[in-house]
Amino acid sequence: MSLQDDLTAVRRSLDELVRSVEQLEKDVARQAPAAGSRPPEKSRMVTIPDTPYDNALWTDTDDEGLGARDRRAP
Protein backbone atom coordinates (compact mmCIF):
# COMPACT_ATOMS: atom_id res chain seq x y z
CA MET A 1 0.00 0.00 0.00
CA SER A 2 1.14 3.49 -0.72
CA LEU A 3 1.10 6.39 1.66
CA GLN A 4 -1.91 7.80 -0.19
CA ASP A 5 -3.81 4.53 0.28
CA ASP A 6 -2.98 4.53 3.98
CA LEU A 7 -4.19 8.11 4.37
CA THR A 8 -7.40 7.30 2.53
CA ALA A 9 -8.01 4.29 4.80
CA VAL A 10 -7.36 6.38 7.90
CA ARG A 11 -9.69 9.12 6.66
CA ARG A 12 -12.42 6.55 5.94
CA SER A 13 -12.01 5.02 9.42
CA LEU A 14 -12.12 8.43 11.04
CA ASP A 15 -15.30 9.35 9.16
CA GLU A 16 -16.89 6.08 10.27
CA LEU A 17 -15.87 6.78 13.88
CA VAL A 18 -17.38 10.27 13.73
CA ARG A 19 -20.65 8.86 12.35
CA SER A 20 -20.74 6.19 15.06
CA VAL A 21 -20.17 8.74 17.84
CA GLU A 22 -22.87 11.02 16.43
CA GLN A 23 -25.32 8.10 16.31
CA LEU A 24 -24.41 7.14 19.87
CA GLU A 25 -25.00 10.71 21.06
CA LYS A 26 -28.42 10.70 19.38
CA ASP A 27 -29.33 7.36 20.97
CA VAL A 28 -28.31 8.56 24.43
CA ALA A 29 -30.22 11.83 24.03
CA ARG A 30 -33.32 9.93 22.93
CA GLN A 31 -33.23 7.49 25.87
CA ALA A 32 -32.58 9.97 28.68
CA PRO A 33 -33.39 13.49 27.50
CA ALA A 34 -33.56 15.12 30.94
CA ALA A 35 -31.26 12.88 33.00
CA GLY A 36 -28.51 15.47 33.31
CA SER A 37 -30.75 18.49 33.78
CA ARG A 38 -32.12 17.72 37.23
CA PRO A 39 -30.18 17.26 40.47
CA PRO A 40 -30.22 13.85 42.17
CA GLU A 41 -32.98 13.22 44.69
CA LYS A 42 -31.83 13.68 48.27
CA SER A 43 -33.54 10.45 49.28
CA ARG A 44 -31.20 8.54 46.93
CA MET A 45 -28.03 10.20 48.22
CA VAL A 46 -26.03 8.48 50.95
CA THR A 47 -23.75 10.45 53.24
CA ILE A 48 -20.49 8.67 54.06
CA PRO A 49 -18.97 9.87 57.33
CA ASP A 50 -15.33 10.91 57.60
CA THR A 51 -14.90 9.15 60.94
CA PRO A 52 -12.95 5.88 60.92
CA TYR A 53 -14.89 2.62 60.87
CA ASP A 54 -15.15 0.51 64.00
CA ASN A 55 -12.33 -2.08 63.95
CA ALA A 56 -14.82 -4.75 65.05
CA LEU A 57 -16.24 -4.64 61.53
CA TRP A 58 -13.05 -6.24 60.24
CA THR A 59 -12.85 -9.10 62.76
CA ASP A 60 -12.54 -12.52 61.04
CA THR A 61 -12.16 -11.01 57.58
CA ASP A 62 -9.79 -12.10 54.86
CA ASP A 63 -7.49 -9.70 53.07
CA GLU A 64 -8.60 -9.81 49.46
CA GLY A 65 -6.04 -11.64 47.42
CA LEU A 66 -3.92 -12.52 50.45
CA GLY A 67 -6.10 -15.14 52.13
CA ALA A 68 -6.88 -15.56 55.80
CA ARG A 69 -4.71 -13.77 58.35
CA ASP A 70 -3.85 -16.89 60.34
CA ARG A 71 -2.70 -18.94 57.31
CA ARG A 72 0.10 -18.65 54.80
CA ALA A 73 -0.69 -17.76 51.22
CA PRO A 74 -0.08 -20.64 48.79
PDB file of N, CA and C in Angstrom:
ATOM      1  N   MET A   1       0.835  -1.190   0.000  1.00  0.00           N
ATOM      2  CA  MET A   1       0.000   0.000   0.000  1.00  0.00           C
ATOM      3  C   MET A   1       0.877   1.249   0.000  1.00  0.00           C
ATOM      4  N   SER A   2       0.399   2.227  -0.674  1.00  0.00           N
ATOM      5  CA  SER A   2       1.141   3.491  -0.725  1.00  0.00           C
ATOM      6  C   SER A   2       0.702   4.379   0.432  1.00  0.00           C
ATOM      7  N   LEU A   3       1.437   5.423   0.620  1.00  0.00           N
ATOM      8  CA  LEU A   3       1.104   6.390   1.657  1.00  0.00           C
ATOM      9  C   LEU A   3      -0.280   6.983   1.412  1.00  0.00           C
ATOM     10  N   GLN A   4      -0.599   7.244   0.159  1.00  0.00           N
ATOM     11  CA  GLN A   4      -1.908   7.804  -0.189  1.00  0.00           C
ATOM     12  C   GLN A   4      -3.032   6.831   0.167  1.00  0.00           C
ATOM     13  N   ASP A   5      -2.819   5.547  -0.078  1.00  0.00           N
ATOM     14  CA  ASP A   5      -3.814   4.527   0.277  1.00  0.00           C
ATOM     15  C   ASP A   5      -4.009   4.462   1.790  1.00  0.00           C
ATOM     16  N   ASP A   6      -2.902   4.546   2.521  1.00  0.00           N
ATOM     17  CA  ASP A   6      -2.980   4.534   3.983  1.00  0.00           C
ATOM     18  C   ASP A   6      -3.763   5.738   4.495  1.00  0.00           C
ATOM     19  N   LEU A   7      -3.476   6.909   3.947  1.00  0.00           N
ATOM     20  CA  LEU A   7      -4.189   8.112   4.373  1.00  0.00           C
ATOM     21  C   LEU A   7      -5.685   8.020   4.058  1.00  0.00           C
ATOM     22  N   THR A   8      -6.002   7.469   2.910  1.00  0.00           N
ATOM     23  CA  THR A   8      -7.402   7.298   2.532  1.00  0.00           C
ATOM     24  C   THR A   8      -8.100   6.338   3.492  1.00  0.00           C
ATOM     25  N   ALA A   9      -7.437   5.252   3.862  1.00  0.00           N
ATOM     26  CA  ALA A   9      -8.013   4.285   4.800  1.00  0.00           C
ATOM     27  C   ALA A   9      -8.212   4.919   6.175  1.00  0.00           C
ATOM     28  N   VAL A  10      -7.244   5.707   6.608  1.00  0.00           N
ATOM     29  CA  VAL A  10      -7.360   6.381   7.903  1.00  0.00           C
ATOM     30  C   VAL A  10      -8.507   7.384   7.875  1.00  0.00           C
ATOM     31  N   ARG A  11      -8.622   8.134   6.802  1.00  0.00           N
ATOM     32  CA  ARG A  11      -9.691   9.118   6.659  1.00  0.00           C
ATOM     33  C   ARG A  11     -11.058   8.428   6.675  1.00  0.00           C
ATOM     34  N   ARG A  12     -11.163   7.306   5.990  1.00  0.00           N
ATOM     35  CA  ARG A  12     -12.417   6.553   5.942  1.00  0.00           C
ATOM     36  C   ARG A  12     -12.771   6.028   7.348  1.00  0.00           C
ATOM     37  N   SER A  13     -11.778   5.517   8.056  1.00  0.00           N
ATOM     38  CA  SER A  13     -12.013   5.015   9.418  1.00  0.00           C
ATOM     39  C   SER A  13     -12.420   6.142  10.359  1.00  0.00           C
ATOM     40  N   LEU A  14     -11.786   7.284  10.211  1.00  0.00           N
ATOM     41  CA  LEU A  14     -12.121   8.434  11.045  1.00  0.00           C
ATOM     42  C   LEU A  14     -13.543   8.918  10.765  1.00  0.00           C
ATOM     43  N   ASP A  15     -13.930   8.954   9.513  1.00  0.00           N
ATOM     44  CA  ASP A  15     -15.301   9.349   9.161  1.00  0.00           C
ATOM     45  C   ASP A  15     -16.312   8.374   9.754  1.00  0.00           C
ATOM     46  N   GLU A  16     -15.996   7.090   9.698  1.00  0.00           N
ATOM     47  CA  GLU A  16     -16.890   6.084  10.269  1.00  0.00           C
ATOM     48  C   GLU A  16     -16.989   6.250  11.779  1.00  0.00           C
ATOM     49  N   LEU A  17     -15.876   6.545  12.433  1.00  0.00           N
ATOM     50  CA  LEU A  17     -15.873   6.777  13.877  1.00  0.00           C
ATOM     51  C   LEU A  17     -16.728   7.980  14.233  1.00  0.00           C
ATOM     52  N   VAL A  18     -16.593   9.062  13.483  1.00  0.00           N
ATOM     53  CA  VAL A  18     -17.383  10.273  13.730  1.00  0.00           C
ATOM     54  C   VAL A  18     -18.868   9.968  13.580  1.00  0.00           C
ATOM     55  N   ARG A  19     -19.243   9.222  12.539  1.00  0.00           N
ATOM     56  CA  ARG A  19     -20.653   8.856  12.345  1.00  0.00           C
ATOM     57  C   ARG A  19     -21.160   7.996  13.495  1.00  0.00           C
ATOM     58  N   SER A  20     -20.339   7.066  13.954  1.00  0.00           N
ATOM     59  CA  SER A  20     -20.740   6.194  15.061  1.00  0.00           C
ATOM     60  C   SER A  20     -20.946   6.984  16.349  1.00  0.00           C
ATOM     61  N   VAL A  21     -20.048   7.918  16.625  1.00  0.00           N
ATOM     62  CA  VAL A  21     -20.171   8.737  17.839  1.00  0.00           C
ATOM     63  C   VAL A  21     -21.418   9.623  17.754  1.00  0.00           C
ATOM     64  N   GLU A  22     -21.672  10.202  16.592  1.00  0.00           N
ATOM     65  CA  GLU A  22     -22.875  11.019  16.433  1.00  0.00           C
ATOM     66  C   GLU A  22     -24.130  10.195  16.647  1.00  0.00           C
ATOM     67  N   GLN A  23     -24.161   8.970  16.121  1.00  0.00           N
ATOM     68  CA  GLN A  23     -25.316   8.097  16.309  1.00  0.00           C
ATOM     69  C   GLN A  23     -25.476   7.728  17.779  1.00  0.00           C
ATOM     70  N   LEU A  24     -24.375   7.459  18.447  1.00  0.00           N
ATOM     71  CA  LEU A  24     -24.415   7.142  19.870  1.00  0.00           C
ATOM     72  C   LEU A  24     -24.947   8.311  20.678  1.00  0.00           C
ATOM     73  N   GLU A  25     -24.504   9.520  20.367  1.00  0.00           N
ATOM     74  CA  GLU A  25     -25.005  10.707  21.063  1.00  0.00           C
ATOM     75  C   GLU A  25     -26.506  10.870  20.856  1.00  0.00           C
ATOM     76  N   LYS A  26     -26.983  10.613  19.646  1.00  0.00           N
ATOM     77  CA  LYS A  26     -28.417  10.704  19.378  1.00  0.00           C
ATOM     78  C   LYS A  26     -29.188   9.656  20.166  1.00  0.00           C
ATOM     79  N   ASP A  27     -28.663   8.428  20.223  1.00  0.00           N
ATOM     80  CA  ASP A  27     -29.326   7.362  20.970  1.00  0.00           C
ATOM     81  C   ASP A  27     -29.406   7.692  22.457  1.00  0.00           C
ATOM     82  N   VAL A  28     -28.330   8.206  23.003  1.00  0.00           N
ATOM     83  CA  VAL A  28     -28.310   8.562  24.427  1.00  0.00           C
ATOM     84  C   VAL A  28     -29.287   9.696  24.695  1.00  0.00           C
ATOM     85  N   ALA A  29     -29.308  10.690  23.844  1.00  0.00           N
ATOM     86  CA  ALA A  29     -30.217  11.826  24.029  1.00  0.00           C
ATOM     87  C   ALA A  29     -31.665  11.377  23.940  1.00  0.00           C
ATOM     88  N   ARG A  30     -31.956  10.416  23.092  1.00  0.00           N
ATOM     89  CA  ARG A  30     -33.322   9.927  22.934  1.00  0.00           C
ATOM     90  C   ARG A  30     -33.767   9.117  24.154  1.00  0.00           C
ATOM     91  N   GLN A  31     -32.871   8.361  24.753  1.00  0.00           N
ATOM     92  CA  GLN A  31     -33.226   7.494  25.868  1.00  0.00           C
ATOM     93  C   GLN A  31     -33.356   8.247  27.182  1.00  0.00           C
ATOM     94  N   ALA A  32     -32.550   9.237  27.413  1.00  0.00           N
ATOM     95  CA  ALA A  32     -32.578   9.968  28.679  1.00  0.00           C
ATOM     96  C   ALA A  32     -32.451  11.461  28.406  1.00  0.00           C
ATOM     97  N   PRO A  33     -33.506  12.088  27.897  1.00  0.00           N
ATOM     98  CA  PRO A  33     -33.393  13.490  27.501  1.00  0.00           C
ATOM     99  C   PRO A  33     -33.156  14.454  28.654  1.00  0.00           C
ATOM    100  N   ALA A  34     -33.683  14.166  29.848  1.00  0.00           N
ATOM    101  CA  ALA A  34     -33.558  15.118  30.944  1.00  0.00           C
ATOM    102  C   ALA A  34     -32.740  14.564  32.099  1.00  0.00           C
ATOM    103  N   ALA A  35     -31.998  13.502  31.899  1.00  0.00           N
ATOM    104  CA  ALA A  35     -31.263  12.880  32.998  1.00  0.00           C
ATOM    105  C   ALA A  35     -30.218  13.815  33.597  1.00  0.00           C
ATOM    106  N   GLY A  36     -29.556  14.599  32.797  1.00  0.00           N
ATOM    107  CA  GLY A  36     -28.510  15.471  33.307  1.00  0.00           C
ATOM    108  C   GLY A  36     -29.004  16.837  33.722  1.00  0.00           C
ATOM    109  N   SER A  37     -30.267  17.144  33.505  1.00  0.00           N
ATOM    110  CA  SER A  37     -30.748  18.486  33.778  1.00  0.00           C
ATOM    111  C   SER A  37     -31.326  18.659  35.178  1.00  0.00           C
ATOM    112  N   ARG A  38     -31.557  17.582  35.883  1.00  0.00           N
ATOM    113  CA  ARG A  38     -32.115  17.720  37.234  1.00  0.00           C
ATOM    114  C   ARG A  38     -31.137  17.158  38.259  1.00  0.00           C
ATOM    115  N   PRO A  39     -31.091  17.760  39.446  1.00  0.00           N
ATOM    116  CA  PRO A  39     -30.176  17.262  40.473  1.00  0.00           C
ATOM    117  C   PRO A  39     -30.677  15.930  41.036  1.00  0.00           C
ATOM    118  N   PRO A  40     -29.788  15.119  41.605  1.00  0.00           N
ATOM    119  CA  PRO A  40     -30.221  13.846  42.172  1.00  0.00           C
ATOM    120  C   PRO A  40     -31.149  14.059  43.359  1.00  0.00           C
ATOM    121  N   GLU A  41     -32.052  13.123  43.562  1.00  0.00           N
ATOM    122  CA  GLU A  41     -32.978  13.220  44.688  1.00  0.00           C
ATOM    123  C   GLU A  41     -32.211  13.008  45.982  1.00  0.00           C
ATOM    124  N   LYS A  42     -32.530  13.797  46.996  1.00  0.00           N
ATOM    125  CA  LYS A  42     -31.829  13.678  48.272  1.00  0.00           C
ATOM    126  C   LYS A  42     -32.077  12.332  48.918  1.00  0.00           C
ATOM    127  N   SER A  43     -33.245  11.742  48.679  1.00  0.00           N
ATOM    128  CA  SER A  43     -33.538  10.449  49.284  1.00  0.00           C
ATOM    129  C   SER A  43     -32.645   9.348  48.725  1.00  0.00           C
ATOM    130  N   ARG A  44     -32.062   9.541  47.541  1.00  0.00           N
ATOM    131  CA  ARG A  44     -31.197   8.540  46.934  1.00  0.00           C
ATOM    132  C   ARG A  44     -29.731   8.773  47.267  1.00  0.00           C
ATOM    133  N   MET A  45     -29.415   9.900  47.877  1.00  0.00           N
ATOM    134  CA  MET A  45     -28.029  10.203  48.219  1.00  0.00           C
ATOM    135  C   MET A  45     -27.689   9.606  49.581  1.00  0.00           C
ATOM    136  N   VAL A  46     -26.480   9.074  49.700  1.00  0.00           N
ATOM    137  CA  VAL A  46     -26.028   8.477  50.949  1.00  0.00           C
ATOM    138  C   VAL A  46     -24.817   9.263  51.426  1.00  0.00           C
ATOM    139  N   THR A  47     -24.865   9.721  52.664  1.00  0.00           N
ATOM    140  CA  THR A  47     -23.747  10.445  53.240  1.00  0.00           C
ATOM    141  C   THR A  47     -22.777   9.442  53.859  1.00  0.00           C
ATOM    142  N   ILE A  48     -21.518   9.554  53.508  1.00  0.00           N
ATOM    143  CA  ILE A  48     -20.490   8.674  54.057  1.00  0.00           C
ATOM    144  C   ILE A  48     -19.678   9.497  55.044  1.00  0.00           C
ATOM    145  N   PRO A  49     -19.662   9.082  56.317  1.00  0.00           N
ATOM    146  CA  PRO A  49     -18.969   9.873  57.326  1.00  0.00           C
ATOM    147  C   PRO A  49     -17.453   9.815  57.162  1.00  0.00           C
ATOM    148  N   ASP A  50     -16.785  10.852  57.650  1.00  0.00           N
ATOM    149  CA  ASP A  50     -15.330  10.908  57.597  1.00  0.00           C
ATOM    150  C   ASP A  50     -14.680  10.185  58.774  1.00  0.00           C
ATOM    151  N   THR A  51     -15.458   9.817  59.760  1.00  0.00           N
ATOM    152  CA  THR A  51     -14.899   9.148  60.936  1.00  0.00           C
ATOM    153  C   THR A  51     -14.464   7.738  60.572  1.00  0.00           C
ATOM    154  N   PRO A  52     -13.427   7.233  61.225  1.00  0.00           N
ATOM    155  CA  PRO A  52     -12.949   5.878  60.922  1.00  0.00           C
ATOM    156  C   PRO A  52     -14.007   4.831  61.287  1.00  0.00           C
ATOM    157  N   TYR A  53     -13.980   3.718  60.560  1.00  0.00           N
ATOM    158  CA  TYR A  53     -14.889   2.623  60.869  1.00  0.00           C
ATOM    159  C   TYR A  53     -14.459   1.926  62.144  1.00  0.00           C
ATOM    160  N   ASP A  54     -15.413   1.287  62.802  1.00  0.00           N
ATOM    161  CA  ASP A  54     -15.146   0.505  64.001  1.00  0.00           C
ATOM    162  C   ASP A  54     -14.307  -0.715  63.598  1.00  0.00           C
ATOM    163  N   ASN A  55     -13.201  -0.955  64.278  1.00  0.00           N
ATOM    164  CA  ASN A  55     -12.327  -2.084  63.946  1.00  0.00           C
ATOM    165  C   ASN A  55     -13.024  -3.427  64.104  1.00  0.00           C
ATOM    166  N   ALA A  56     -14.080  -3.498  64.884  1.00  0.00           N
ATOM    167  CA  ALA A  56     -14.816  -4.750  65.052  1.00  0.00           C
ATOM    168  C   ALA A  56     -15.461  -5.195  63.741  1.00  0.00           C
ATOM    169  N   LEU A  57     -15.667  -4.267  62.824  1.00  0.00           N
ATOM    170  CA  LEU A  57     -16.235  -4.640  61.534  1.00  0.00           C
ATOM    171  C   LEU A  57     -15.313  -5.566  60.754  1.00  0.00           C
ATOM    172  N   TRP A  58     -14.022  -5.492  61.025  1.00  0.00           N
ATOM    173  CA  TRP A  58     -13.050  -6.244  60.245  1.00  0.00           C
ATOM    174  C   TRP A  58     -12.599  -7.522  60.937  1.00  0.00           C
ATOM    175  N   THR A  59     -13.196  -7.871  62.057  1.00  0.00           N
ATOM    176  CA  THR A  59     -12.851  -9.101  62.757  1.00  0.00           C
ATOM    177  C   THR A  59     -13.217 -10.300  61.883  1.00  0.00           C
ATOM    178  N   ASP A  60     -12.337 -11.278  61.812  1.00  0.00           N
ATOM    179  CA  ASP A  60     -12.542 -12.519  61.037  1.00  0.00           C
ATOM    180  C   ASP A  60     -12.720 -12.274  59.549  1.00  0.00           C
ATOM    181  N   THR A  61     -12.085 -11.251  59.021  1.00  0.00           N
ATOM    182  CA  THR A  61     -12.165 -11.014  57.578  1.00  0.00           C
ATOM    183  C   THR A  61     -10.876 -11.472  56.917  1.00  0.00           C
ATOM    184  N   ASP A  62     -10.972 -11.735  55.637  1.00  0.00           N
ATOM    185  CA  ASP A  62      -9.788 -12.097  54.858  1.00  0.00           C
ATOM    186  C   ASP A  62      -9.333 -10.874  54.085  1.00  0.00           C
ATOM    187  N   ASP A  63      -8.015 -10.748  53.925  1.00  0.00           N
ATOM    188  CA  ASP A  63      -7.489  -9.698  53.069  1.00  0.00           C
ATOM    189  C   ASP A  63      -7.647 -10.173  51.635  1.00  0.00           C
ATOM    190  N   GLU A  64      -8.325  -9.388  50.828  1.00  0.00           N
ATOM    191  CA  GLU A  64      -8.598  -9.806  49.459  1.00  0.00           C
ATOM    192  C   GLU A  64      -7.305 -10.072  48.716  1.00  0.00           C
ATOM    193  N   GLY A  65      -7.218 -11.265  48.177  1.00  0.00           N
ATOM    194  CA  GLY A  65      -6.045 -11.644  47.418  1.00  0.00           C
ATOM    195  C   GLY A  65      -4.908 -12.193  48.262  1.00  0.00           C
ATOM    196  N   LEU A  66      -4.996 -12.049  49.579  1.00  0.00           N
ATOM    197  CA  LEU A  66      -3.922 -12.523  50.454  1.00  0.00           C
ATOM    198  C   LEU A  66      -4.339 -13.721  51.279  1.00  0.00           C
ATOM    199  N   GLY A  67      -5.621 -14.010  51.350  1.00  0.00           N
ATOM    200  CA  GLY A  67      -6.100 -15.141  52.132  1.00  0.00           C
ATOM    201  C   GLY A  67      -6.366 -14.761  53.570  1.00  0.00           C
ATOM    202  N   ALA A  68      -6.570 -15.779  54.383  1.00  0.00           N
ATOM    203  CA  ALA A  68      -6.878 -15.565  55.802  1.00  0.00           C
ATOM    204  C   ALA A  68      -5.636 -15.092  56.538  1.00  0.00           C
ATOM    205  N   ARG A  69      -5.835 -14.336  57.616  1.00  0.00           N
ATOM    206  CA  ARG A  69      -4.713 -13.766  58.354  1.00  0.00           C
ATOM    207  C   ARG A  69      -3.891 -14.830  59.108  1.00  0.00           C
ATOM    208  N   ASP A  70      -4.559 -15.899  59.521  1.00  0.00           N
ATOM    209  CA  ASP A  70      -3.848 -16.892  60.338  1.00  0.00           C
ATOM    210  C   ASP A  70      -3.239 -18.018  59.509  1.00  0.00           C
ATOM    211  N   ARG A  71      -3.272 -17.907  58.181  1.00  0.00           N
ATOM    212  CA  ARG A  71      -2.699 -18.942  57.313  1.00  0.00           C
ATOM    213  C   ARG A  71      -1.735 -18.302  56.336  1.00  0.00           C
ATOM    214  N   ARG A  72      -0.850 -19.131  55.796  1.00  0.00           N
ATOM    215  CA  ARG A  72       0.098 -18.646  54.798  1.00  0.00           C
ATOM    216  C   ARG A  72      -0.552 -18.704  53.428  1.00  0.00           C
ATOM    217  N   ALA A  73      -0.193 -17.764  52.589  1.00  0.00           N
ATOM    218  CA  ALA A  73      -0.685 -17.755  51.217  1.00  0.00           C
ATOM    219  C   ALA A  73      -0.010 -18.894  50.461  1.00  0.00           C
ATOM    220  N   PRO A  74      -0.685 -19.514  49.529  1.00  0.00           N
ATOM    221  CA  PRO A  74      -0.076 -20.635  48.785  1.00  0.00           C
ATOM    222  C   PRO A  74       1.100 -20.193  47.945  1.00  0.00           C
TER     223      PRO A  74
END
